Amino acid sequence: MVISLNSTARTTQNTLRLNRTRRASPSKVVARTVSLPIIRYAYYAFIFSIPFESIALADNFLSVSKVPGLFFGLTAFLRPRVCFRRPPQAFWCFFWYLSVVVMMAPFQEPQFTSQIISRLLTLTQLLLLFWTSYNVMCDERVVKGTLLTLIISCTIVAVLMFVGLGNSPYEDRDTALGWNPNALATMLSSGLVGIVGLAFGRRTRELKVLLLMAACSGVLAMQIVRTGSRGALIALIVALLAFPLKKTKSLSSKIQLVLIGVLAIGFLAWTSYRSELVRERWEATFATGDTAGRDTIFAQAWNMFLEKPLLGWGPLSNVYELGSRVGLPFRDPHNLYLWVLTETGLFGAIPFFIGLWLCLRAAWKARDGLQGVLPLSMILCLLINNMKGTSLSSKLFWIVLAYALAGAYHATSRKQHTYLARTSQPVATHPAGLHVGTR
């Protein structure tokens, strides 16, 4: 009996010790925090500057976003174990693509050398931005602050466009601050999806966010329509249709999300119909299949890929070759996927597309976490916009991909936290071995 009591007591002590270890582990799982405020606010300043990056400084040597971007990069070294942790798997897929571009660079025409070097430096910086953005957004505070900052910055640009300040007409289409209308529409679409997602797409709702949505969403939607970008509107509609994919506990919540999406799409359709320019562009699309020449560009780019499917035409050589086929000095394929295929062939495109798939899969997994369906909506908006444009050199492109991965991290951490919390309950609440004495 004594031996049994001692054995039971030792077992109980070991169980309690294990429980204390388990209780401590959730904080290690969840707390990937950026402790220094200077890093967070430097990142916010960089995010805020992105919608204004079309403004050139110092004879086009600097843009508005480069200065805060450089400052954020320097502050990241204050917490290297946080900001430069082990990168996600998708990083290595994109790194493979960049490596292929580097390997092909020496074999291009000599007159392209300076442009290729500039492009390689840009891609390297953007890949580092993707890495550090993922790591800092593993802190939920940074995620929310980043989204709010982007929304406010996009709204300011939309207001400037609305009042005509910084407005620059572009082929009878409205834009602002020198932006290409399609690129500006992509930017503002991310802001609109972000504010609607913060209000209804995440797991929790806040009154302040709902009020911010009421203040910002209308002007963002109207200015997106005024750019005349049909592709951005389609991408925005698909992003809004993704909101019912949010995991909810009741059917009424699901119906509410459907109604929100329907109302938002209805408002976009009504605003588009009221704009004569936009209405004419849509009528030309449905009546004659007008795509602003993209059908010809896509066909030629696809033929180029079929001619060199394995290694492609090389960096910059692809756009000059495409230009020669459509009667121009050079031509952007106006499609991210055709750009990668014609530039590096399957050797570089396959890992790049795998990286995109990993980000998309992470956004789907994020629905289980605090971010809800918002990462999925934002990445769908981004990927569809890249079917009519090329955002490979856009900072927003890499930040949204990083956000999708961070959303999956939060969902995984939440599941682990819940599991460990459940399994860390004390096993025995009565004196050790009492049950032995009752036998």
Protein backbone atom coordinates (compact mmCIF):
# COMPACT_ATOMS: atom_id res chain seq x y z
CA MET A 1 0.00 0.00 0.00
CA VAL A 2 2.87 2.40 0.89
CA ILE A 3 4.66 1.59 -2.33
CA SER A 4 1.46 2.25 -4.26
CA LEU A 5 0.92 5.58 -2.50
CA ASN A 6 4.51 6.73 -3.16
CA SER A 7 4.30 5.68 -6.79
CA THR A 8 1.02 7.54 -7.25
CA ALA A 9 2.45 10.64 -5.57
CA ARG A 10 5.49 10.66 -7.85
CA THR A 11 3.25 10.23 -10.87
CA THR A 12 1.09 13.13 -9.78
CA GLN A 13 4.14 15.35 -9.19
CA ASN A 14 5.45 14.54 -12.67
CA THR A 15 2.03 15.32 -14.16
CA LEU A 16 1.87 18.69 -12.40
CA ARG A 17 5.40 19.51 -13.57
CA LEU A 18 4.39 18.64 -17.14
CA ASN A 19 1.29 20.78 -16.76
CA ARG A 20 3.39 23.78 -15.71
CA THR A 21 5.54 23.30 -18.80
CA ARG A 22 2.47 23.10 -21.00
CA ARG A 23 1.02 26.21 -19.44
CA ALA A 24 4.18 28.13 -20.32
CA SER A 25 4.39 26.88 -23.89
CA PRO A 26 1.40 28.75 -25.43
CA SER A 27 3.09 32.09 -24.85
CA LYS A 28 6.11 30.79 -26.71
CA VAL A 29 3.90 29.64 -29.55
CA VAL A 30 1.89 32.85 -29.86
CA ALA A 31 4.25 35.62 -28.78
CA ARG A 32 6.27 36.53 -31.85
CA THR A 33 6.02 40.17 -30.91
CA VAL A 34 7.87 43.18 -32.21
CA SER A 35 8.70 44.65 -28.82
CA LEU A 36 10.27 47.93 -29.95
CA PRO A 37 7.68 50.57 -30.94
CA ILE A 38 10.21 52.21 -33.28
CA ILE A 39 10.12 49.13 -35.53
CA ARG A 40 6.33 49.07 -35.67
CA TYR A 41 5.96 52.77 -36.38
CA ALA A 42 8.75 52.72 -38.96
CA TYR A 43 6.84 49.94 -40.72
CA TYR A 44 3.59 51.90 -40.52
CA ALA A 45 5.31 54.96 -42.00
CA PHE A 46 6.55 52.82 -44.87
CA ILE A 47 3.08 51.36 -45.48
CA PHE A 48 1.54 54.84 -45.39
CA SER A 49 3.97 56.06 -48.07
CA ILE A 50 3.19 53.31 -50.61
CA PRO A 51 0.10 54.98 -52.18
CA PHE A 52 2.28 58.08 -52.66
CA GLU A 53 5.29 56.31 -54.18
CA SER A 54 4.47 57.66 -57.65
CA ILE A 55 5.77 61.04 -56.45
CA ALA A 56 9.42 61.26 -57.46
CA LEU A 57 12.08 63.08 -55.45
CA ALA A 58 15.59 64.26 -56.31
CA ASP A 59 15.22 64.08 -60.09
CA ASN A 60 13.50 60.68 -59.98
CA PHE A 61 16.36 59.19 -57.96
CA LEU A 62 14.17 58.73 -54.90
CA SER A 63 10.49 58.07 -54.41
CA VAL A 64 8.41 59.00 -51.39
CA SER A 65 8.37 55.39 -50.19
CA LYS A 66 12.12 54.75 -50.42
CA VAL A 67 13.06 56.95 -47.47
CA PRO A 68 10.72 55.33 -44.90
CA GLY A 69 11.48 51.95 -46.46
CA LEU A 70 15.19 52.43 -45.84
CA PHE A 71 14.50 53.60 -42.30
CA PHE A 72 12.39 50.52 -41.58
CA GLY A 73 15.15 48.29 -42.95
CA LEU A 74 17.63 49.87 -40.55
CA THR A 75 15.33 49.58 -37.54
CA ALA A 76 14.77 45.89 -38.33
CA PHE A 77 18.37 45.22 -37.25
CA LEU A 78 17.44 46.34 -33.73
CA ARG A 79 15.53 43.05 -33.36
CA PRO A 80 17.19 40.69 -35.86
CA ARG A 81 15.87 37.57 -34.10
CA VAL A 82 12.33 38.80 -34.72
CA CYS A 83 12.59 40.58 -38.07
CA PHE A 84 15.01 38.11 -39.68
CA ARG A 85 13.73 34.82 -38.34
CA ARG A 86 13.70 31.78 -40.56
CA PRO A 87 11.73 32.75 -43.70
CA PRO A 88 8.56 30.89 -44.76
CA GLN A 89 8.63 28.18 -47.42
CA ALA A 90 7.21 30.49 -50.08
CA PHE A 91 10.27 32.70 -49.69
CA TRP A 92 12.51 29.96 -51.06
CA CYS A 93 10.23 29.47 -54.07
CA PHE A 94 10.50 33.15 -54.94
CA PHE A 95 14.23 33.03 -54.21
CA TRP A 96 14.56 30.25 -56.80
CA TYR A 97 12.81 32.43 -59.36
CA LEU A 98 15.15 35.33 -58.55
CA SER A 99 18.15 33.00 -58.84
CA VAL A 100 17.03 31.98 -62.33
CA VAL A 101 16.80 35.64 -63.34
CA VAL A 102 20.32 36.22 -61.97
CA MET A 103 21.72 33.22 -63.85
CA MET A 104 20.18 34.36 -67.12
CA ALA A 105 21.30 38.00 -66.78
CA PRO A 106 24.86 37.56 -68.18
CA PHE A 107 23.49 36.03 -71.40
CA GLN A 108 21.31 39.02 -72.37
CA GLU A 109 22.12 41.82 -74.80
CA PRO A 110 24.80 44.22 -73.46
CA GLN A 111 22.55 47.27 -73.91
CA PHE A 112 20.19 45.82 -71.30
CA THR A 113 22.87 45.46 -68.61
CA SER A 114 22.11 48.58 -66.57
CA GLN A 115 18.36 47.96 -66.67
CA ILE A 116 18.82 44.33 -65.67
CA ILE A 117 21.03 45.29 -62.72
CA SER A 118 18.42 47.80 -61.59
CA ARG A 119 15.70 45.16 -61.89
CA LEU A 120 17.71 42.60 -59.92
CA LEU A 121 18.33 45.09 -57.13
CA THR A 122 14.62 45.91 -57.02
CA LEU A 123 13.58 42.24 -56.88
CA THR A 124 16.13 41.55 -54.15
CA GLN A 125 14.82 44.42 -52.04
CA LEU A 126 11.23 43.30 -52.55
CA LEU A 127 12.06 39.73 -51.54
CA LEU A 128 13.70 41.03 -48.36
CA LEU A 129 10.60 43.16 -47.78
CA PHE A 130 8.45 40.04 -48.15
CA TRP A 131 10.60 38.22 -45.57
CA THR A 132 10.64 40.98 -42.97
CA SER A 133 6.97 41.86 -43.52
CA TYR A 134 5.95 38.29 -42.78
CA ASN A 135 7.98 38.25 -39.59
CA VAL A 136 6.74 41.57 -38.22
CA MET A 137 3.14 40.73 -39.13
CA CYS A 138 3.35 37.58 -37.02
CA ASP A 139 2.64 40.14 -34.29
CA GLU A 140 -1.13 40.71 -34.44
CA ARG A 141 -0.73 44.34 -33.36
CA VAL A 142 1.37 45.01 -36.44
CA VAL A 143 -1.21 43.33 -38.71
CA LYS A 144 -4.03 45.56 -37.53
CA GLY A 145 -1.87 48.68 -37.58
CA THR A 146 -0.66 47.86 -41.10
CA LEU A 147 -4.19 47.41 -42.43
CA LEU A 148 -5.44 50.62 -40.80
CA THR A 149 -2.46 52.57 -42.11
CA LEU A 150 -2.94 51.31 -45.66
CA ILE A 151 -6.67 52.09 -45.53
CA ILE A 152 -6.15 55.65 -44.30
CA SER A 153 -3.40 56.31 -46.86
CA CYS A 154 -5.53 54.97 -49.74
CA THR A 155 -8.47 57.07 -48.55
CA ILE A 156 -6.34 60.23 -48.56
CA VAL A 157 -5.29 59.53 -52.17
CA ALA A 158 -8.94 58.90 -53.09
CA VAL A 159 -9.96 62.22 -51.50
CA LEU A 160 -7.19 64.04 -53.40
CA MET A 161 -8.47 62.45 -56.58
CA PHE A 162 -12.05 63.42 -55.71
CA VAL A 163 -11.27 67.12 -55.12
CA GLY A 164 -8.95 67.30 -58.12
CA LEU A 165 -5.71 67.92 -56.21
CA GLY A 166 -2.83 66.09 -57.81
CA ASN A 167 -5.17 64.88 -60.52
CA SER A 168 -3.54 63.99 -63.84
CA PRO A 169 -5.81 62.99 -66.75
CA TYR A 170 -4.70 59.83 -68.52
CA GLU A 171 -6.44 59.03 -71.79
CA ASP A 172 -9.68 60.60 -70.55
CA ARG A 173 -9.57 58.44 -67.41
CA ASP A 174 -9.25 59.84 -63.91
CA THR A 175 -6.21 59.22 -61.78
CA ALA A 176 -4.05 61.08 -59.28
CA LEU A 177 -0.42 61.80 -58.36
CA GLY A 178 0.85 60.49 -61.67
CA TRP A 179 -0.44 56.95 -61.16
CA ASN A 180 -1.43 54.76 -64.06
CA PRO A 181 -5.23 54.38 -63.67
CA ASN A 182 -5.06 50.59 -63.54
CA ALA A 183 -2.29 50.60 -60.93
CA LEU A 184 -4.15 53.19 -58.86
CA ALA A 185 -7.35 51.14 -59.05
CA THR A 186 -5.44 48.08 -57.82
CA MET A 187 -4.08 50.08 -54.89
CA LEU A 188 -7.45 51.56 -53.92
CA SER A 189 -9.12 48.15 -54.29
CA SER A 190 -6.77 46.74 -51.67
CA GLY A 191 -7.73 49.59 -49.36
CA LEU A 192 -11.45 48.99 -49.90
CA VAL A 193 -11.20 45.23 -49.38
CA GLY A 194 -9.10 45.94 -46.29
CA ILE A 195 -11.66 48.20 -44.62
CA VAL A 196 -14.63 45.95 -45.43
CA GLY A 197 -12.64 42.97 -44.22
CA LEU A 198 -11.63 44.66 -40.98
CA ALA A 199 -15.28 45.45 -40.33
CA PHE A 200 -16.86 42.12 -41.31
CA GLY A 201 -14.22 39.63 -42.49
CA ARG A 202 -12.26 39.02 -39.31
CA ARG A 203 -13.30 36.97 -36.30
CA THR A 204 -14.04 40.01 -34.11
CA ARG A 205 -15.79 43.32 -34.82
CA GLU A 206 -15.18 46.75 -33.36
CA LEU A 207 -17.40 49.82 -33.42
CA LYS A 208 -14.46 52.09 -34.31
CA VAL A 209 -13.68 49.99 -37.37
CA LEU A 210 -17.32 50.05 -38.46
CA LEU A 211 -17.31 53.85 -38.22
CA LEU A 212 -14.06 54.01 -40.19
CA MET A 213 -15.60 51.81 -42.88
CA ALA A 214 -18.60 54.12 -43.11
CA ALA A 215 -16.25 57.09 -43.57
CA CYS A 216 -13.83 55.55 -46.09
CA SER A 217 -15.59 52.91 -48.18
CA GLY A 218 -17.81 55.26 -50.20
CA VAL A 219 -15.06 57.53 -51.50
CA LEU A 220 -12.79 54.54 -52.19
CA ALA A 221 -15.48 52.77 -54.22
CA MET A 222 -16.35 55.87 -56.25
CA GLN A 223 -12.75 56.64 -57.12
CA ILE A 224 -12.05 53.05 -58.13
CA VAL A 225 -14.92 53.31 -60.59
CA ARG A 226 -13.67 56.67 -61.89
CA THR A 227 -10.32 55.17 -62.90
CA GLY A 228 -12.23 53.18 -65.54
CA SER A 229 -10.33 50.00 -64.70
CA ARG A 230 -12.55 47.07 -65.61
CA GLY A 231 -10.10 44.48 -64.34
CA ALA A 232 -9.93 46.14 -60.92
CA LEU A 233 -13.72 46.09 -60.64
CA ILE A 234 -13.84 42.38 -61.50
CA ALA A 235 -11.11 41.64 -58.96
CA LEU A 236 -12.94 43.68 -56.34
CA ILE A 237 -16.22 41.84 -56.97
CA VAL A 238 -14.50 38.45 -56.64
CA ALA A 239 -12.86 39.58 -53.39
CA LEU A 240 -16.24 40.64 -52.00
CA LEU A 241 -17.83 37.35 -53.08
CA ALA A 242 -15.21 35.55 -50.96
CA PHE A 243 -16.58 37.01 -47.71
CA PRO A 244 -19.29 34.32 -47.28
CA LEU A 245 -16.40 31.80 -47.09
CA LYS A 246 -15.72 33.13 -43.59
CA LYS A 247 -16.26 30.49 -40.93
CA THR A 248 -19.26 31.52 -38.85
CA LYS A 249 -21.20 29.90 -36.02
CA SER A 250 -24.67 30.66 -37.32
CA LEU A 251 -26.57 30.80 -40.57
CA SER A 252 -27.66 34.38 -39.87
CA SER A 253 -24.03 35.53 -39.83
CA LYS A 254 -23.46 33.83 -43.18
CA ILE A 255 -26.55 35.51 -44.65
CA GLN A 256 -25.33 38.84 -43.31
CA LEU A 257 -22.03 38.43 -45.14
CA VAL A 258 -23.85 37.57 -48.36
CA LEU A 259 -26.02 40.68 -48.03
CA ILE A 260 -22.98 42.87 -47.40
CA GLY A 261 -21.32 41.52 -50.54
CA VAL A 262 -24.46 41.98 -52.62
CA LEU A 263 -24.91 45.57 -51.40
CA ALA A 264 -21.28 46.43 -52.09
CA ILE A 265 -21.39 44.94 -55.59
CA GLY A 266 -24.69 46.70 -56.26
CA PHE A 267 -23.18 50.03 -55.26
CA LEU A 268 -20.20 49.46 -57.57
CA ALA A 269 -22.53 48.55 -60.47
CA TRP A 270 -24.73 51.60 -59.87
CA THR A 271 -21.72 53.93 -59.67
CA SER A 272 -20.27 52.44 -62.85
CA TYR A 273 -23.54 52.94 -64.71
CA ARG A 274 -23.74 56.58 -63.66
CA SER A 275 -20.26 57.30 -65.06
CA GLU A 276 -20.51 57.81 -68.82
CA LEU A 277 -16.88 56.95 -69.49
CA VAL A 278 -17.00 53.74 -67.46
CA ARG A 279 -20.36 52.76 -68.94
CA GLU A 280 -19.00 53.20 -72.47
CA ARG A 281 -15.95 51.06 -71.67
CA TRP A 282 -18.15 48.25 -70.36
CA GLU A 283 -20.51 48.52 -73.33
CA ALA A 284 -17.55 48.25 -75.69
CA THR A 285 -16.37 45.17 -73.82
CA PHE A 286 -19.72 43.38 -74.03
CA ALA A 287 -20.62 44.55 -77.56
CA THR A 288 -17.32 44.16 -79.42
CA GLY A 289 -15.09 42.29 -76.98
CA ASP A 290 -12.82 45.32 -76.59
CA THR A 291 -9.92 44.56 -74.23
CA ALA A 292 -7.71 47.60 -75.01
CA GLY A 293 -5.47 45.41 -77.15
CA ARG A 294 -4.73 42.88 -74.42
CA ASP A 295 -6.02 39.96 -76.50
CA THR A 296 -3.28 40.61 -79.08
CA ILE A 297 -0.63 41.09 -76.39
CA PHE A 298 -1.64 37.90 -74.58
CA ALA A 299 -1.63 35.87 -77.79
CA GLN A 300 1.86 37.05 -78.76
CA ALA A 301 3.21 36.52 -75.24
CA TRP A 302 1.82 32.99 -75.19
CA ASN A 303 3.45 32.26 -78.55
CA MET A 304 6.74 33.52 -77.13
CA PHE A 305 6.43 31.10 -74.23
CA LEU A 306 5.70 28.20 -76.58
CA GLU A 307 8.82 29.06 -78.59
CA LYS A 308 11.07 28.97 -75.50
CA PRO A 309 9.13 27.06 -72.83
CA LEU A 310 11.99 25.95 -70.59
CA LEU A 311 14.20 29.01 -70.01
CA GLY A 312 12.21 31.81 -71.62
CA TRP A 313 13.67 34.88 -73.26
CA GLY A 314 15.49 36.29 -70.25
CA PRO A 315 15.06 39.43 -68.13
CA LEU A 316 13.96 42.48 -70.15
CA SER A 317 14.58 40.62 -73.40
CA ASN A 318 11.04 39.31 -73.06
CA VAL A 319 9.42 42.77 -73.07
CA TYR A 320 11.56 44.02 -75.97
CA GLU A 321 10.80 40.90 -77.98
CA LEU A 322 7.09 41.28 -77.24
CA GLY A 323 7.27 44.94 -78.25
CA SER A 324 8.78 44.04 -81.61
CA ARG A 325 5.88 41.67 -82.25
CA VAL A 326 3.19 44.29 -81.60
CA GLY A 327 4.94 47.16 -83.36
CA LEU A 328 6.42 48.94 -80.32
CA PRO A 329 9.95 49.35 -78.89
CA PHE A 330 8.94 47.24 -75.87
CA ARG A 331 5.72 45.98 -74.33
CA ASP A 332 4.69 44.79 -70.89
CA PRO A 333 2.63 41.57 -71.20
CA HIS A 334 0.04 43.14 -68.86
CA ASN A 335 -0.19 39.80 -67.12
CA LEU A 336 2.04 38.68 -64.26
CA TYR A 337 1.85 35.02 -65.19
CA LEU A 338 2.78 35.59 -68.83
CA TRP A 339 5.60 37.88 -67.71
CA VAL A 340 7.17 35.13 -65.60
CA LEU A 341 6.64 32.48 -68.28
CA THR A 342 8.22 34.57 -71.04
CA GLU A 343 11.04 35.78 -68.79
CA THR A 344 12.27 32.55 -67.17
CA GLY A 345 10.23 29.79 -68.78
CA LEU A 346 9.06 26.84 -66.74
CA PHE A 347 12.41 26.66 -64.93
CA GLY A 348 11.65 29.86 -63.06
CA ALA A 349 7.86 29.96 -63.39
CA ILE A 350 7.12 26.65 -61.65
CA PRO A 351 8.76 27.61 -58.32
CA PHE A 352 7.26 31.09 -58.57
CA PHE A 353 3.76 29.68 -59.06
CA ILE A 354 4.32 27.21 -56.22
CA GLY A 355 5.17 30.20 -54.01
CA LEU A 356 1.91 31.88 -55.02
CA TRP A 357 0.02 28.66 -54.31
CA LEU A 358 1.58 28.42 -50.82
CA CYS A 359 0.43 31.99 -50.11
CA LEU A 360 -3.06 31.26 -51.41
CA ARG A 361 -3.27 28.07 -49.33
CA ALA A 362 -2.12 30.01 -46.27
CA ALA A 363 -4.87 32.57 -46.88
CA TRP A 364 -7.40 29.74 -46.95
CA LYS A 365 -6.07 28.37 -43.66
CA ALA A 366 -6.21 31.83 -42.13
CA ARG A 367 -10.00 31.57 -42.04
CA ASP A 368 -9.59 29.53 -38.82
CA GLY A 369 -7.80 32.37 -37.06
CA LEU A 370 -8.33 35.93 -35.95
CA GLN A 371 -7.82 37.35 -39.47
CA GLY A 372 -10.77 35.37 -40.79
CA VAL A 373 -11.48 35.63 -44.51
CA LEU A 374 -9.67 38.95 -45.02
CA PRO A 375 -6.31 37.47 -46.16
CA LEU A 376 -8.14 35.31 -48.71
CA SER A 377 -10.12 38.27 -50.05
CA MET A 378 -7.04 40.46 -50.36
CA ILE A 379 -4.91 37.86 -52.11
CA LEU A 380 -7.72 36.99 -54.53
CA CYS A 381 -8.09 40.68 -55.37
CA LEU A 382 -4.34 40.88 -55.94
CA LEU A 383 -4.01 37.75 -58.07
CA ILE A 384 -6.95 38.64 -60.30
CA ASN A 385 -5.66 42.17 -60.78
CA ASN A 386 -2.42 40.61 -62.00
CA MET A 387 -4.29 38.95 -64.85
CA LYS A 388 -4.57 42.38 -66.48
CA GLY A 389 -1.37 43.93 -65.14
CA THR A 390 2.05 43.14 -63.73
CA SER A 391 2.61 43.97 -60.06
CA LEU A 392 5.82 42.02 -59.66
CA SER A 393 7.73 45.22 -58.84
CA SER A 394 4.98 46.55 -56.58
CA LYS A 395 5.62 46.74 -52.84
CA LEU A 396 1.94 46.12 -52.13
CA PHE A 397 2.10 42.81 -54.01
CA TRP A 398 4.72 41.36 -51.67
CA ILE A 399 3.13 42.82 -48.54
CA VAL A 400 -0.23 41.17 -49.31
CA LEU A 401 1.51 37.83 -49.90
CA ALA A 402 3.29 38.22 -46.55
CA TYR A 403 -0.02 39.07 -44.87
CA ALA A 404 -1.58 35.87 -46.21
CA LEU A 405 1.21 33.80 -44.68
CA ALA A 406 1.03 35.70 -41.40
CA GLY A 407 -2.72 35.05 -41.27
CA ALA A 408 -2.07 31.30 -41.44
CA TYR A 409 0.54 31.67 -38.70
CA HIS A 410 -2.04 33.31 -36.41
CA ALA A 411 -4.55 30.55 -37.16
CA THR A 412 -2.01 27.80 -36.42
CA SER A 413 -0.86 29.51 -33.22
CA ARG A 414 -4.45 29.84 -32.06
CA LYS A 415 -5.07 26.13 -32.57
CA GLN A 416 -1.88 25.20 -30.72
CA HIS A 417 -2.72 27.61 -27.92
CA THR A 418 -6.20 26.09 -27.56
CA TYR A 419 -4.87 22.55 -27.60
CA LEU A 420 -2.17 23.21 -25.02
CA ALA A 421 -4.59 25.09 -22.80
CA ARG A 422 -6.97 22.14 -22.83
CA THR A 423 -4.27 19.56 -22.14
CA SER A 424 -2.63 21.59 -19.36
CA GLN A 425 -5.49 21.10 -16.85
CA PRO A 426 -4.46 19.40 -13.58
CA VAL A 427 -5.09 15.68 -13.63
CA ALA A 428 -5.69 15.15 -9.88
CA THR A 429 -7.72 17.54 -7.74
CA HIS A 430 -7.74 15.26 -4.69
CA PRO A 431 -4.86 14.12 -2.43
CA ALA A 432 -2.51 11.75 -4.22
CA GLY A 433 -3.35 8.09 -3.76
CA LEU A 434 -6.67 8.66 -1.97
CA HIS A 435 -8.40 6.38 -4.40
CA VAL A 436 -6.01 3.59 -3.46
CA GLY A 437 -7.18 3.64 0.10
CA THR A 438 -10.79 3.18 -0.93
CA ARG A 439 -10.12 -0.09 -2.64
